[in-house]
Protein backbone atom coordinates (compact mmCIF):
# COMPACT_ATOMS: atom_id res chain seq x y z
CA MET A 1 -2.32 -0.63 16.76
CA GLN A 2 -2.15 -0.80 20.54
CA CYS A 3 -4.59 0.91 22.70
CA THR A 4 -2.91 2.75 25.72
CA ASN A 5 -3.01 6.07 27.62
CA VAL A 6 -0.37 8.22 25.52
CA ALA A 7 -1.94 11.98 25.68
CA ALA A 8 0.53 13.21 27.93
CA ASN A 9 3.39 12.29 25.52
CA ARG A 10 1.41 13.06 22.25
CA ASP A 11 4.34 15.94 21.29
CA VAL A 12 7.38 13.71 21.65
CA ASP A 13 8.72 12.28 18.07
CA MET A 14 5.80 13.13 16.20
CA VAL A 15 5.68 12.65 12.31
CA ASN A 16 3.03 14.60 11.25
CA HIS A 17 2.57 15.22 7.26
CA HIS A 18 -1.14 15.68 6.72
CA GLY A 19 -2.57 13.83 4.10
CA ARG A 20 0.45 11.60 3.31
CA PHE A 21 0.68 7.87 4.23
CA ALA A 22 2.97 7.65 7.14
CA TRP A 23 2.39 3.98 9.17
CA TYR A 24 1.53 0.72 7.66
CA GLU A 25 0.16 -2.43 9.94
CA LEU A 26 -0.05 -6.07 9.24
CA LEU A 27 -2.91 -7.86 10.68
CA THR A 28 -2.22 -11.54 10.11
CA THR A 29 -2.78 -14.99 11.78
CA ASP A 30 1.00 -16.03 12.42
CA THR A 31 3.43 -13.09 13.50
CA ALA A 32 6.05 -15.54 13.76
CA ALA A 33 5.83 -16.55 10.25
CA ALA A 34 5.16 -13.18 9.03
CA THR A 35 8.31 -11.65 10.67
CA ALA A 36 10.30 -14.48 8.91
CA PHE A 37 8.86 -14.01 5.59
CA TYR A 38 9.32 -10.09 5.41
CA ARG A 39 12.99 -10.41 6.58
CA ASP A 40 13.56 -12.51 3.84
CA VAL A 41 11.49 -10.69 1.09
CA VAL A 42 11.98 -7.15 1.89
CA GLY A 43 14.90 -7.45 4.49
CA TRP A 44 12.99 -6.04 7.35
CA GLY A 45 14.05 -6.56 10.84
CA THR A 46 11.79 -6.45 13.65
CA ARG A 47 11.73 -4.85 17.15
CA ASP A 48 9.30 -5.87 20.26
CA ALA A 49 6.72 -2.68 21.01
CA SER A 50 4.15 -4.58 23.01
CA THR A 51 2.16 -3.41 25.76
CA PRO A 52 0.46 -5.45 28.88
CA GLN A 53 -2.69 -5.35 26.58
CA LEU A 54 -1.40 -6.55 23.34
CA ASP A 55 1.72 -8.23 21.74
CA TYR A 56 3.00 -6.07 19.05
CA ALA A 57 5.92 -5.33 16.98
CA HIS A 58 7.89 -2.59 14.35
CA PHE A 59 8.81 -3.83 11.11
CA THR A 60 12.23 -1.88 10.89
CA ALA A 61 14.46 -0.74 7.96
CA GLY A 62 17.66 -0.25 9.64
CA GLU A 63 17.00 1.71 12.75
CA ILE A 64 13.50 3.23 11.37
CA ALA A 65 10.24 1.64 12.37
CA VAL A 66 8.38 1.62 8.93
CA GLY A 67 5.52 -0.26 10.28
CA GLY A 68 3.55 -2.65 12.93
CA LEU A 69 2.54 -6.17 12.81
CA MET A 70 0.18 -8.12 15.12
CA GLU A 71 -2.23 -11.27 15.41
CA LEU A 72 -5.49 -10.71 13.60
CA PRO A 73 -8.01 -10.03 16.37
CA GLU A 74 -10.17 -12.75 17.22
CA GLU A 75 -13.49 -10.82 16.83
CA GLY A 76 -12.54 -9.69 13.25
CA ARG A 77 -11.71 -13.29 12.33
CA LYS A 78 -14.89 -14.28 13.51
CA MET A 79 -16.81 -11.56 11.23
CA GLY A 80 -14.69 -12.94 8.70
CA ALA A 81 -11.82 -10.62 8.19
CA THR A 82 -8.83 -12.11 6.57
CA PRO A 83 -4.92 -11.24 6.61
CA ARG A 84 -4.46 -7.77 5.24
CA TRP A 85 -2.07 -4.61 5.34
CA VAL A 86 -3.68 -1.23 6.67
CA GLY A 87 -2.45 2.02 5.56
CA TYR A 88 -2.38 4.93 8.03
CA VAL A 89 -2.72 8.49 6.66
CA ALA A 90 -1.58 11.22 8.77
CA VAL A 91 -3.87 14.24 9.86
CA ASP A 92 -4.11 16.85 11.65
CA ASP A 93 -7.01 15.90 13.80
CA VAL A 94 -8.42 12.11 13.68
CA ASP A 95 -11.70 13.39 15.30
CA GLY A 96 -12.72 15.68 12.86
CA THR A 97 -11.25 13.84 9.92
CA ALA A 98 -13.30 10.71 11.10
CA ASN A 99 -16.49 12.92 11.51
CA LEU A 100 -15.97 14.21 8.16
CA LEU A 101 -15.59 11.03 6.63
CA LYS A 102 -18.68 9.95 8.27
CA ARG A 103 -20.30 12.85 6.38
CA LEU A 104 -19.19 11.87 2.92
CA GLY A 105 -20.32 8.37 3.11
CA GLY A 106 -17.73 6.47 4.80
CA ALA A 107 -17.97 4.55 7.90
CA VAL A 108 -15.46 4.43 11.13
CA TYR A 109 -14.81 0.90 12.59
CA VAL A 110 -12.58 1.82 15.21
CA PRO A 111 -13.45 5.13 16.70
CA PRO A 112 -10.66 7.81 17.66
CA THR A 113 -8.51 6.13 19.99
CA ASP A 114 -5.12 7.09 21.80
CA THR A 115 -2.56 4.08 21.30
CA ASN A 116 1.11 4.22 21.55
CA ILE A 117 1.64 4.87 17.87
CA GLY A 118 -0.55 8.09 18.21
CA ARG A 119 -4.20 8.83 18.24
CA ILE A 120 -5.84 6.62 15.50
CA ALA A 121 -9.01 5.60 13.74
CA ILE A 122 -9.97 2.70 11.41
CA VAL A 123 -12.19 3.50 8.97
CA VAL A 124 -13.35 2.46 5.33
CA ASP A 125 -14.45 4.63 2.50
CA PRO A 126 -17.84 4.68 0.78
CA GLN A 127 -16.55 1.91 -1.54
CA THR A 128 -15.40 -0.20 1.54
CA ALA A 129 -11.79 0.06 1.01
CA THR A 130 -10.11 0.05 4.35
CA LEU A 131 -7.50 2.23 5.54
CA ALA A 132 -6.78 4.36 8.97
CA LEU A 133 -6.05 7.62 10.31
CA VAL A 134 -3.32 8.85 12.93
CA SER A 135 -2.32 11.86 14.19
CA GLY A 136 0.31 12.62 16.33
CA LEU A 137 2.63 9.72 15.10
CA ARG A 138 5.36 8.74 17.47
CA ALA A 139 7.30 5.90 15.16
CA GLY A 140 8.26 5.78 11.72
CA ALA A 141 9.68 8.77 9.69
CA SER A 142 9.45 6.61 6.18
CA SER A 143 7.26 9.38 4.68
CA ASP A 144 10.48 11.56 3.98
CA GLU A 145 12.68 8.84 2.34
CA PRO A 146 9.92 6.89 0.23
CA GLU A 147 12.29 5.82 -2.36
CA GLN A 148 14.69 4.19 0.44
CA PRO A 149 14.99 0.47 0.53
CA GLY A 150 12.73 -0.80 2.89
CA ARG A 151 10.01 1.91 2.69
CA VAL A 152 6.68 1.85 1.09
CA GLY A 153 7.14 3.77 -1.92
CA TRP A 154 3.66 3.72 -3.89
CA HIS A 155 0.24 3.41 -2.82
CA GLU A 156 -2.52 2.19 -5.19
CA LEU A 157 -6.48 2.16 -4.74
CA LEU A 158 -8.35 -0.46 -6.68
CA ALA A 159 -11.61 1.29 -6.52
CA ALA A 160 -15.12 0.36 -7.37
CA ASP A 161 -15.28 3.74 -8.95
CA ALA A 162 -12.23 5.76 -9.54
CA ALA A 163 -13.83 9.12 -10.12
CA SER A 164 -16.01 9.16 -6.97
CA ALA A 165 -13.42 7.79 -5.04
CA PHE A 166 -11.07 10.38 -5.85
CA ALA A 167 -13.67 13.09 -5.07
CA PHE A 168 -14.04 11.64 -1.69
CA TYR A 169 -10.50 11.28 -0.94
CA SER A 170 -9.82 15.05 -2.17
CA GLU A 171 -12.52 16.34 0.12
CA LEU A 172 -10.99 14.29 2.67
CA PHE A 173 -7.42 14.69 2.85
CA GLY A 174 -7.11 17.38 0.34
CA TRP A 175 -5.42 15.61 -2.45
CA GLN A 176 -4.84 16.82 -5.77
CA ARG A 177 -4.55 14.98 -8.82
CA VAL A 178 -1.42 15.17 -10.91
CA ALA A 179 -1.63 16.48 -14.37
CA SER A 180 -0.21 13.83 -16.78
CA GLU A 181 1.28 14.63 -20.46
CA HIS A 182 -0.38 11.61 -21.72
CA ALA A 183 -3.99 11.63 -22.82
CA GLN A 184 -3.72 7.84 -22.05
CA MET A 185 -3.61 8.30 -18.16
CA ASP A 186 -7.13 9.75 -18.19
CA SER A 187 -8.44 6.55 -16.34
CA TYR A 188 -5.57 6.52 -13.96
CA ARG A 189 -5.79 9.08 -11.26
CA LEU A 190 -2.04 10.14 -9.98
CA LEU A 191 -2.46 11.61 -6.31
CA SER A 192 -0.61 14.22 -4.84
CA ALA A 193 -0.25 15.07 -1.08
CA GLY A 194 1.72 18.23 0.17
CA GLY A 195 3.14 18.65 -3.19
CA ARG A 196 4.75 15.05 -3.60
CA THR A 197 3.10 12.36 -5.73
CA ILE A 198 2.07 9.54 -3.37
CA GLY A 199 0.56 6.83 -5.49
CA GLY A 200 -2.79 6.58 -7.89
CA MET A 201 -6.15 5.00 -8.23
CA PHE A 202 -8.09 3.22 -10.80
CA THR A 203 -11.57 1.73 -11.34
CA LYS A 204 -10.60 -2.02 -10.67
CA LEU A 205 -12.07 -5.00 -13.12
CA ARG A 206 -15.55 -6.47 -11.82
CA ARG A 207 -13.96 -9.55 -11.09
CA ALA A 208 -12.18 -7.80 -8.49
CA PRO A 209 -13.94 -8.96 -5.16
CA PHE A 210 -13.59 -5.96 -3.28
CA PRO A 211 -11.82 -2.16 -3.31
CA PHE A 212 -8.51 -1.95 -1.61
CA TRP A 213 -5.43 -0.26 -0.97
CA LEU A 214 -2.13 -1.88 -2.26
CA TYR A 215 1.21 -0.96 -0.90
CA TYR A 216 4.42 -1.36 -3.07
CA PHE A 217 7.51 -2.17 -0.90
CA ASN A 218 10.84 -1.07 -2.10
CA VAL A 219 13.66 -3.68 -2.23
CA VAL A 220 17.06 -3.64 -3.76
CA ASP A 221 17.15 -6.86 -5.73
CA MET A 222 13.81 -7.96 -6.92
CA ASP A 223 15.12 -11.14 -8.39
CA ALA A 224 16.07 -11.89 -4.60
CA ALA A 225 13.03 -10.60 -3.28
CA VAL A 226 10.82 -12.89 -5.72
CA ALA A 227 13.04 -15.95 -4.60
CA GLY A 228 12.07 -15.12 -1.09
CA VAL A 229 8.80 -15.00 -1.68
CA LYS A 230 8.67 -18.22 -3.12
CA ALA A 231 10.88 -19.81 -0.81
CA GLY A 232 8.76 -18.45 1.96
CA GLY A 233 5.73 -20.12 1.22
CA GLY A 234 4.08 -16.75 -0.41
CA LYS A 235 2.51 -16.17 -4.22
CA VAL A 236 3.81 -14.37 -7.07
CA VAL A 237 0.47 -13.27 -8.83
CA GLN A 238 2.34 -11.24 -11.51
CA GLY A 239 5.65 -10.18 -12.40
CA PRO A 240 8.31 -9.14 -12.22
CA LEU A 241 7.15 -6.62 -15.10
CA GLU A 242 9.22 -3.77 -16.46
CA LEU A 243 8.29 -0.23 -16.07
CA ALA A 244 9.31 2.21 -18.59
CA ASP A 245 12.13 3.63 -16.39
CA GLY A 246 13.87 0.26 -16.06
CA SER A 247 12.45 -0.80 -12.38
CA TRP A 248 10.61 -3.72 -11.95
CA ILE A 249 7.48 -4.37 -10.02
CA THR A 250 5.84 -7.85 -8.80
CA ARG A 251 2.55 -8.53 -7.12
CA CYS A 252 2.31 -10.96 -4.32
CA ILE A 253 0.49 -12.53 -1.57
CA ASP A 254 2.19 -13.62 1.51
CA PRO A 255 2.00 -17.18 3.43
CA GLN A 256 -1.18 -15.93 5.32
CA GLY A 257 -2.94 -14.24 2.71
CA ALA A 258 -2.25 -10.48 2.70
CA MET A 259 -1.75 -8.87 -0.39
CA PHE A 260 1.32 -6.52 -1.31
CA ALA A 261 3.60 -5.54 -3.94
CA LEU A 262 7.40 -5.02 -4.61
CA GLN A 263 9.09 -2.65 -6.57
CA GLY A 264 12.77 -2.60 -7.51
CA LYS A 265 15.81 -3.17 -9.88
CA ARG A 266 16.56 -6.82 -11.34
CA SER A 267 19.81 -8.31 -10.99
CA GLY A 268 19.26 -11.68 -12.67
CA SER A 269 20.38 -12.05 -15.92
CA ASP A 270 17.46 -14.16 -16.89
CA ARG A 271 15.33 -10.83 -17.97
CA GLU A 272 12.85 -10.77 -20.50
CA THR A 273 13.61 -8.38 -23.48
CA PRO A 274 10.34 -5.81 -23.38
CA ALA A 275 9.01 -4.99 -26.36
CA ALA A 276 8.37 -1.62 -27.65
CA GLU A 277 4.70 -1.36 -26.71
CA LEU A 278 3.70 -0.87 -23.46
CA ASN A 279 0.65 -3.13 -22.08
CA TRP A 280 -1.90 -0.73 -20.28
CA ALA A 281 -3.88 -3.45 -18.41
CA ALA A 282 -2.46 -6.54 -16.85
CA GLU A 283 -4.44 -9.35 -15.10
CA TRP A 284 -3.26 -10.05 -11.76
CA GLY A 285 -5.19 -13.20 -10.89
CA GLY A 286 -8.80 -12.26 -9.88
CA PHE A 287 -7.25 -8.42 -9.89
CA ALA A 288 -6.07 -6.06 -12.63
CA SER A 289 -4.00 -2.71 -12.40
CA ARG A 290 -3.97 -0.11 -15.20
CA GLY A 291 -2.11 2.35 -13.01
CA ARG A 292 1.83 1.23 -13.45
CA VAL A 293 2.63 0.91 -16.86
CA ILE A 294 4.60 -2.25 -17.85
CA ALA A 295 6.40 -3.53 -20.78
CA LYS A 296 5.40 -7.06 -22.26
CA SER A 297 8.07 -9.27 -23.56
CA GLU A 298 7.86 -10.15 -27.31
CA ARG A 299 7.19 -13.84 -26.45
CA GLU A 300 3.83 -13.13 -24.16
CA SER A 301 3.04 -10.03 -26.30
CA GLN A 302 -0.67 -10.06 -27.66
CA PRO A 303 -3.09 -8.14 -29.08
CA PRO A 304 -4.75 -5.88 -26.72
CA LYS A 305 -8.44 -6.91 -25.08
CA PRO A 306 -11.37 -4.49 -25.95
CA GLY A 307 -11.03 -1.41 -24.05
CA VAL A 308 -7.41 -1.71 -23.14
CA ARG A 309 -5.07 1.32 -24.01
CA ASN A 310 -1.36 1.18 -24.77
CA PRO A 311 0.41 4.23 -23.61
CA SER A 312 3.70 4.72 -24.79
CA ALA A 313 5.08 5.90 -21.41
CA LYS A 314 5.02 5.63 -17.98
CA PRO A 315 3.87 8.79 -15.75
CA LYS A 316 6.05 10.79 -14.03
CA ARG A 317 6.06 10.53 -10.35
């Protein structure tokens, strides 16, 4: 996020999809290391987009800018902020949406401000999960091709309470719940914006220290991406895990501590043979996700824990 006066150019090259995630920003403590890491893991290039006020870069998938990269501000570090990914939701009116968010119990960390990527606000929901608002976004276009390599293909909220979180976001952005044919999906709320399923939310385990949004980056080769995570000094905290459609997911932490996830196909010959049973909940270090149904291998399979359900199919997306 870079502050500058761009009001006169707000109608140029805009990407507006009200209620959809449209931009992503990595706040980190080492931009050079992050550039190399995500190049090797996701295949992103970078492009300088600095202003006299702030050093900033765009992550690119081919020629398309899909996200931003900047140093975590010093004042944020002093307050205990750590490296993280922040997703920007496109809205028609940042000021009006920020005011509505406050009335619904959220808080505004950075008030509506004109920047070189559009008019933005950094906010938290009532359960303290961070996200951002943007209108007049003049970079990107990834929201129209969410399945392409290098794009963000899924968004998942680990909420303190999924029911109240869904009510909040439904009122704020007009998100709708996607009906599932599987009764077991009741505790995982699939989210739709503008007729497109964009992700889901569920109630996190108590051991997870705080609610947060997790973003899934599309990769062509999961095995190569996982190797890149390990070689680059990141940490694989769960996976690769197979989904019912044959794709795989892996949850990771980058070398500076930002959490992210990968999704894609595997090319390696050492794949685990999935069991017929699909496990509903899978621990992720101190976190857990019950949203992406995974197949556990026979040798890892074990009786489900109390309260853990086992649906037989992945929800449609």
